[in-house]
């Protein structure tokens, strides 16, 4: 008897899951190879992408003995003067910014470079192909300190304007750079973050993390127990709006999770510090983001409600703008709706960063 289409899809997914579970390094290796092919091939049409690597220190006053890997993409034609430094969130690596949430649609990097902006997507320390030191080498501020070193490296390459674009925990890191180093950057884009968080949801999801060394897809990396990873299957429940999710995207996302070392201080990223930010801020939230919307979090019932909930957190120099993306969950880039908000970010960059004196 012939399989129905839905049954056939389920069988294919099960086969893929079985093959990757049998060889858990496969998904990571395939993803790394894909990133390297993109860099070698010159990137999307109209874009030149090259591998990026630099040495960084994990803390101030320590040696630069760690390697950060990334991909630097620049638009062809006149040299870009503005670069967007892309900081991925927990459970992801730099490929989050090259994900195609809608078949045939642009990636975030493609949208940015087509608008004339350079991008540097990098693997945070401990993820992807960047160094993964023992977790004891991490301090509460390691991720922001590494990000600040990359900002300075981009300045040294001649970029006049640097915009931090973060997702989720990566946005928290970017926000803390803006709080503590107000002169370091020229703009801040916070996606899946930056609005009042739903703390009860964060607490509930927090129980789904486990030591990365015990995770079936990550145990081959032999990481110490300071590295955490989200259990397989949790992304579907917490990061997605199924109505605007392509099954292939969700399946690949579940099978290519990344570990991370997080700050131990539960107050890290305190939103009460946002008033210190001195650069323009854009907050982008999916209307069905369980970690932001509802309960103790932001009112996401309308664009006006999100703006009203978020505005009190920021001072006048932030010139806050907010964007609510309908029918979208926490991992905004992974939804079919992603191409609908990418152009807004590029227009915002041109208006409030490129045009600023």
Protein backbone atom coordinates (compact mmCIF):
# COMPACT_ATOMS: atom_id res chain seq x y z
CA UNK A 1 0.00 0.00 0.00
CA UNK A 2 1.36 3.44 -0.96
CA UNK A 3 2.22 5.81 1.86
CA UNK A 4 0.18 8.98 2.20
CA UNK A 5 2.22 12.20 1.77
CA UNK A 6 2.14 13.01 5.49
CA UNK A 7 3.22 9.49 6.39
CA UNK A 8 5.97 9.63 3.79
CA UNK A 9 7.24 12.92 5.24
CA UNK A 10 7.18 11.45 8.73
CA UNK A 11 9.10 8.40 7.55
CA UNK A 12 11.72 10.58 5.86
CA UNK A 13 12.10 12.66 9.01
CA UNK A 14 12.47 9.54 11.13
CA UNK A 15 15.13 8.19 8.78
CA UNK A 16 17.06 11.44 8.95
CA UNK A 17 16.79 11.54 12.73
CA UNK A 18 18.00 7.96 12.97
CA UNK A 19 20.99 8.58 10.72
CA UNK A 20 22.08 11.70 12.59
CA UNK A 21 21.55 10.08 15.97
CA UNK A 22 23.75 7.20 14.91
CA UNK A 23 26.48 9.67 13.92
CA UNK A 24 25.81 12.83 15.95
CA UNK A 25 28.72 14.76 14.42
CA UNK A 26 27.14 14.56 10.95
CA UNK A 27 24.76 17.50 11.29
CA UNK A 28 27.44 19.80 12.68
CA UNK A 29 29.93 18.78 10.00
CA UNK A 30 27.41 19.30 7.21
CA UNK A 31 26.50 22.72 8.54
CA UNK A 32 30.14 23.77 8.86
CA UNK A 33 30.85 22.58 5.32
CA UNK A 34 27.86 24.55 4.03
CA UNK A 35 29.13 27.72 5.71
CA UNK A 36 32.61 27.24 4.27
CA UNK A 37 31.20 26.60 0.78
CA UNK A 38 29.26 29.86 1.01
CA UNK A 39 32.40 31.76 1.93
CA UNK A 40 34.50 30.16 -0.81
CA UNK A 41 31.83 30.67 -3.49
CA UNK A 42 31.57 34.39 -2.81
CA UNK A 43 28.19 34.25 -1.12
CA UNK A 44 24.80 35.19 -2.59
CA UNK A 45 24.51 37.12 -5.84
CA UNK A 46 25.87 40.64 -5.48
CA UNK A 47 27.79 39.71 -2.32
CA UNK A 48 31.35 38.68 -1.52
CA UNK A 49 31.73 36.43 1.54
CA UNK A 50 35.06 35.41 3.02
CA UNK A 51 36.04 33.41 6.12
CA UNK A 52 36.85 35.53 9.14
CA UNK A 53 39.02 34.49 12.07
CA UNK A 54 40.68 36.37 14.89
CA UNK A 55 42.22 35.72 18.28
CA UNK A 56 40.45 37.03 21.37
CA UNK A 57 40.86 36.87 25.12
CA UNK A 58 38.01 35.44 27.21
CA UNK A 59 38.44 38.16 29.84
CA UNK A 60 40.16 41.48 30.24
CA UNK A 61 43.85 41.30 31.17
CA UNK A 62 44.17 37.72 29.90
CA UNK A 63 45.98 36.44 26.82
CA UNK A 64 44.27 36.33 23.42
CA UNK A 65 44.51 32.54 23.16
CA UNK A 66 41.03 31.80 21.83
CA UNK A 67 39.88 31.73 18.20
CA UNK A 68 36.65 33.25 16.93
CA UNK A 69 35.41 32.05 13.53
CA UNK A 70 32.93 33.84 11.36
CA UNK A 71 31.90 34.87 7.86
CA UNK A 72 32.33 38.44 6.61
CA UNK A 73 30.03 39.38 3.74
CA UNK A 74 30.25 42.64 1.80
CA UNK A 75 28.13 44.02 -1.02
CA UNK A 76 29.83 44.28 -4.38
CA UNK A 77 30.41 47.77 -5.67
CA UNK A 78 31.39 50.75 -3.49
CA UNK A 79 32.93 49.76 -0.17
CA UNK A 80 30.36 49.53 2.62
CA UNK A 81 30.97 51.95 5.47
CA UNK A 82 28.46 50.32 7.82
CA UNK A 83 28.81 46.77 9.12
CA UNK A 84 26.28 44.76 11.10
CA UNK A 85 27.87 42.45 13.69
CA UNK A 86 25.46 39.53 14.03
CA UNK A 87 25.28 37.87 17.47
CA UNK A 88 23.36 34.58 17.50
CA UNK A 89 21.36 33.34 20.47
CA UNK A 90 21.58 30.22 22.59
CA UNK A 91 21.20 26.84 20.81
CA UNK A 92 22.45 28.42 17.54
CA UNK A 93 25.68 29.39 15.81
CA UNK A 94 26.40 31.91 13.04
CA UNK A 95 24.28 29.93 10.56
CA UNK A 96 21.17 31.36 12.22
CA UNK A 97 21.78 34.47 10.09
CA UNK A 98 22.05 32.41 6.91
CA UNK A 99 18.93 30.33 7.57
CA UNK A 100 16.24 30.47 4.90
CA UNK A 101 12.97 30.41 6.82
CA UNK A 102 10.93 30.60 3.63
CA UNK A 103 11.92 28.51 0.63
CA UNK A 104 13.11 30.88 -2.06
CA UNK A 105 13.17 33.84 0.31
CA UNK A 106 16.27 35.79 1.33
CA UNK A 107 18.41 35.11 4.38
CA UNK A 108 19.15 37.92 6.81
CA UNK A 109 22.68 38.27 5.43
CA UNK A 110 21.35 38.52 1.88
CA UNK A 111 18.85 41.20 2.86
CA UNK A 112 21.54 43.24 4.62
CA UNK A 113 24.15 43.05 1.88
CA UNK A 114 21.61 43.82 -0.84
CA UNK A 115 20.83 46.99 1.11
CA UNK A 116 24.50 47.97 1.00
CA UNK A 117 25.56 46.86 4.48
CA UNK A 118 28.41 44.51 5.33
CA UNK A 119 27.78 41.72 7.85
CA UNK A 120 29.98 39.70 10.16
CA UNK A 121 28.24 36.62 11.52
CA UNK A 122 30.40 34.83 14.07
CA UNK A 123 30.25 31.79 16.31
CA UNK A 124 30.21 32.89 19.93
CA UNK A 125 32.97 31.43 22.05
CA UNK A 126 32.10 27.79 22.75
CA UNK A 127 29.88 27.33 19.69
CA UNK A 128 30.28 26.35 16.06
CA UNK A 129 33.89 26.33 14.90
CA UNK A 130 35.12 28.90 17.41
CA UNK A 131 37.26 27.75 20.33
CA UNK A 132 35.52 25.90 23.15
CA UNK A 133 37.66 26.43 26.25
CA UNK A 134 36.85 24.83 29.58
CA UNK A 135 33.84 26.59 31.07
CA UNK A 136 35.98 27.77 33.97
CA UNK A 137 37.63 30.19 31.52
CA UNK A 138 34.31 32.04 31.10
CA UNK A 139 33.42 34.99 33.32
CA UNK A 140 30.05 36.69 33.67
CA UNK A 141 31.08 39.13 30.96
CA UNK A 142 33.04 36.91 28.55
CA UNK A 143 30.51 37.03 25.72
CA UNK A 144 30.20 40.81 25.78
CA UNK A 145 33.98 41.23 26.11
CA UNK A 146 34.54 39.03 23.04
CA UNK A 147 31.88 40.96 21.15
CA UNK A 148 33.55 44.24 22.06
CA UNK A 149 36.87 42.93 20.72
CA UNK A 150 35.16 42.11 17.42
CA UNK A 151 33.66 45.61 17.26
CA UNK A 152 37.17 47.03 17.63
CA UNK A 153 38.51 44.66 14.97
CA UNK A 154 35.87 45.91 12.53
CA UNK A 155 36.77 49.51 13.33
CA UNK A 156 40.39 48.62 12.56
CA UNK A 157 39.24 47.35 9.16
CA UNK A 158 37.91 50.82 8.36
CA UNK A 159 34.18 50.52 9.03
CA UNK A 160 32.83 53.88 10.23
CA UNK A 161 29.55 52.57 11.65
CA UNK A 162 29.04 49.33 13.57
CA UNK A 163 25.54 48.07 14.37
CA UNK A 164 25.07 45.17 16.79
CA UNK A 165 22.24 42.87 15.70
CA UNK A 166 21.42 40.19 18.25
CA UNK A 167 18.95 37.39 18.69
CA UNK A 168 17.73 36.16 22.10
CA UNK A 169 20.74 35.66 24.40
CA UNK A 170 22.91 37.19 21.69
CA UNK A 171 20.73 40.29 21.89
CA UNK A 172 21.20 40.35 25.66
CA UNK A 173 24.96 40.30 25.10
CA UNK A 174 24.68 43.08 22.51
CA UNK A 175 22.51 45.13 24.85
CA UNK A 176 25.08 44.82 27.66
CA UNK A 177 27.81 46.02 25.31
CA UNK A 178 25.68 49.09 24.57
CA UNK A 179 25.00 49.63 28.29
CA UNK A 180 28.61 49.33 29.47
CA UNK A 181 30.43 50.73 26.43
CA UNK A 182 28.15 53.50 25.15
CA UNK A 183 30.69 54.84 22.65
CA UNK A 184 31.58 51.47 21.12
CA UNK A 185 28.72 51.08 18.64
CA UNK A 186 26.38 53.17 16.51
CA UNK A 187 23.11 51.22 16.64
CA UNK A 188 21.44 48.27 18.31
CA UNK A 189 18.91 45.79 16.89
CA UNK A 190 17.38 43.39 19.41
CA UNK A 191 15.36 40.47 18.04
CA UNK A 192 13.45 38.15 20.35
CA UNK A 193 14.67 40.40 23.20
CA UNK A 194 14.69 44.01 24.39
CA UNK A 195 11.04 44.09 25.50
CA UNK A 196 9.84 43.10 28.99
CA UNK A 197 10.49 39.32 29.22
CA UNK A 198 8.04 36.66 30.32
CA UNK A 199 10.09 35.48 33.29
CA UNK A 200 7.73 32.62 34.15
CA UNK A 201 8.21 31.19 30.66
CA UNK A 202 11.99 31.50 30.93
CA UNK A 203 11.91 29.62 34.24
CA UNK A 204 9.76 26.86 32.78
CA UNK A 205 11.94 26.45 29.70
CA UNK A 206 15.08 26.52 31.84
CA UNK A 207 14.26 23.04 33.16
CA UNK A 208 14.72 21.68 29.62
CA UNK A 209 18.45 22.39 29.52
CA UNK A 210 20.97 19.64 30.21
CA UNK A 211 24.77 19.31 30.28
CA UNK A 212 25.95 19.33 26.67
CA UNK A 213 28.19 16.34 27.35
CA UNK A 214 25.07 14.26 27.99
CA UNK A 215 23.16 15.50 24.94
CA UNK A 216 22.90 12.77 22.26
CA UNK A 217 23.77 15.21 19.47
CA UNK A 218 26.64 16.91 21.28
CA UNK A 219 28.35 14.30 23.45
CA UNK A 220 31.01 13.74 20.77
CA UNK A 221 32.40 17.22 21.50
CA UNK A 222 33.42 16.11 25.02
CA UNK A 223 32.48 19.40 26.64
CA UNK A 224 32.53 19.84 30.40
CA UNK A 225 29.30 20.22 32.38
CA UNK A 226 29.49 24.02 32.33
CA UNK A 227 28.24 23.83 28.75
CA UNK A 228 24.46 23.54 28.50
CA UNK A 229 22.20 22.45 25.66
CA UNK A 230 18.45 22.42 25.10
CA UNK A 231 16.83 19.00 24.92
CA UNK A 232 15.87 17.84 21.44
CA UNK A 233 12.21 18.63 20.74
CA UNK A 234 12.05 21.72 22.94
CA UNK A 235 12.66 24.19 20.12
CA UNK A 236 9.43 23.17 18.44
CA UNK A 237 7.45 23.98 21.57
CA UNK A 238 9.24 27.17 22.63
CA UNK A 239 10.72 28.86 19.57
CA UNK A 240 8.18 28.36 16.80
CA UNK A 241 4.75 29.32 15.55
CA UNK A 242 3.90 26.16 13.61
CA UNK A 243 1.50 28.02 11.31
CA UNK A 244 4.38 29.81 9.60
CA UNK A 245 7.07 27.14 9.90
CA UNK A 246 8.31 24.90 7.12
CA UNK A 247 8.78 21.34 8.45
CA UNK A 248 12.25 21.05 6.88
CA UNK A 249 13.40 24.13 8.79
CA UNK A 250 12.11 22.86 12.12
CA UNK A 251 13.59 19.39 11.63
CA UNK A 252 17.02 20.75 10.73
CA UNK A 253 16.89 23.16 13.65
CA UNK A 254 16.16 20.41 16.14
CA UNK A 255 18.99 18.28 14.79
CA UNK A 256 21.67 20.99 14.73
CA UNK A 257 21.48 22.42 18.22
CA UNK A 258 24.48 24.18 19.75
CA UNK A 259 25.83 24.29 23.32
CA UNK A 260 26.67 27.43 25.25
CA UNK A 261 28.12 28.66 28.52
CA UNK A 262 25.77 31.15 30.16
CA UNK A 263 26.41 33.68 32.94
CA UNK A 264 25.66 32.29 36.39
CA UNK A 265 24.20 35.54 37.67
CA UNK A 266 20.41 35.37 37.22
CA UNK A 267 20.37 39.17 37.06
CA UNK A 268 22.63 39.25 34.00
CA UNK A 269 21.06 41.46 31.35
CA UNK A 270 18.86 43.35 33.81
CA UNK A 271 16.47 45.42 31.68
CA UNK A 272 16.53 48.23 34.23
CA UNK A 273 19.95 49.11 32.78
CA UNK A 274 18.49 49.90 29.35
CA UNK A 275 18.13 53.57 30.20
CA UNK A 276 21.91 53.89 29.88
CA UNK A 277 21.88 53.03 26.17
CA UNK A 278 22.97 56.01 24.11
CA UNK A 279 22.46 54.75 20.55
CA UNK A 280 19.34 54.15 18.42
CA UNK A 281 17.52 50.92 19.30
CA UNK A 282 15.18 48.75 17.25
CA UNK A 283 13.30 45.94 19.03
CA UNK A 284 11.80 43.17 16.86
CA UNK A 285 9.43 40.66 18.47
CA UNK A 286 7.35 37.80 17.09
CA UNK A 287 3.74 38.18 18.12
CA UNK A 288 3.68 34.63 19.47
CA UNK A 289 7.06 34.66 21.20
CA UNK A 290 6.40 32.71 24.39
CA UNK A 291 9.52 34.11 26.05
CA UNK A 292 8.44 37.72 25.57
CA UNK A 293 4.70 37.97 25.19
CA UNK A 294 1.99 37.49 27.81
CA UNK A 295 1.79 36.99 31.56
CA UNK A 296 4.64 38.98 33.15
CA UNK A 297 6.06 39.93 29.77
CA UNK A 298 5.16 42.42 27.08
CA UNK A 299 1.71 43.03 25.68
CA UNK A 300 2.04 41.80 22.10
CA UNK A 301 -1.61 42.21 21.16
CA UNK A 302 -0.79 45.05 18.74
CA UNK A 303 2.20 47.09 17.53
CA UNK A 304 1.05 50.00 19.69
CA UNK A 305 0.79 47.77 22.77
CA UNK A 306 4.34 46.43 22.26
CA UNK A 307 5.69 49.96 21.90
CA UNK A 308 3.87 51.08 25.06
CA UNK A 309 5.24 48.14 27.05
CA UNK A 310 8.81 48.61 25.84
CA UNK A 311 9.28 52.39 25.68
CA UNK A 312 9.58 52.99 29.47
CA UNK A 313 12.75 50.85 29.51
CA UNK A 314 14.73 53.24 27.31
CA UNK A 315 15.91 56.81 27.43
CA UNK A 316 15.36 59.46 24.75
CA UNK A 317 18.71 58.92 23.04
CA UNK A 318 17.64 55.37 22.12
CA UNK A 319 15.04 56.84 19.76
CA UNK A 320 13.26 53.52 20.25
CA UNK A 321 11.39 51.84 17.45
CA UNK A 322 9.58 48.52 17.83
CA UNK A 323 8.37 46.05 15.25
CA UNK A 324 5.82 43.29 15.90
CA UNK A 325 5.93 40.40 13.43
CA UNK A 326 2.57 38.57 13.17
CA UNK A 327 2.25 34.78 13.39
CA UNK A 328 5.89 34.36 14.45
CA UNK A 329 7.62 32.75 17.41
CA UNK A 330 10.93 33.37 19.19
CA UNK A 331 13.34 32.27 16.45
CA UNK A 332 12.26 34.90 13.97
CA UNK A 333 14.71 34.04 11.18
CA UNK A 334 13.42 30.47 11.02
CA UNK A 335 9.84 31.42 10.06
CA UNK A 336 8.30 32.02 6.65
CA UNK A 337 7.57 35.54 7.86
CA UNK A 338 11.27 36.44 8.13
CA UNK A 339 11.53 38.25 4.77
CA UNK A 340 8.71 40.59 5.81
CA UNK A 341 10.78 42.31 8.51
CA UNK A 342 14.32 42.14 7.12
CA UNK A 343 13.81 45.24 4.91
CA UNK A 344 12.61 47.28 7.90
CA UNK A 345 15.89 46.65 9.74
CA UNK A 346 17.91 47.77 6.72
CA UNK A 347 15.79 50.90 6.26
CA UNK A 348 16.12 51.66 9.99
CA UNK A 349 19.91 51.31 9.69
CA UNK A 350 19.97 53.78 6.80
CA UNK A 351 17.72 56.29 8.59
CA UNK A 352 19.08 56.23 12.12
CA UNK A 353 22.67 55.01 11.75
CA UNK A 354 23.98 55.76 8.28
CA UNK A 355 22.30 59.16 8.26
CA UNK A 356 23.43 60.12 11.77
CA UNK A 357 26.26 62.59 12.14
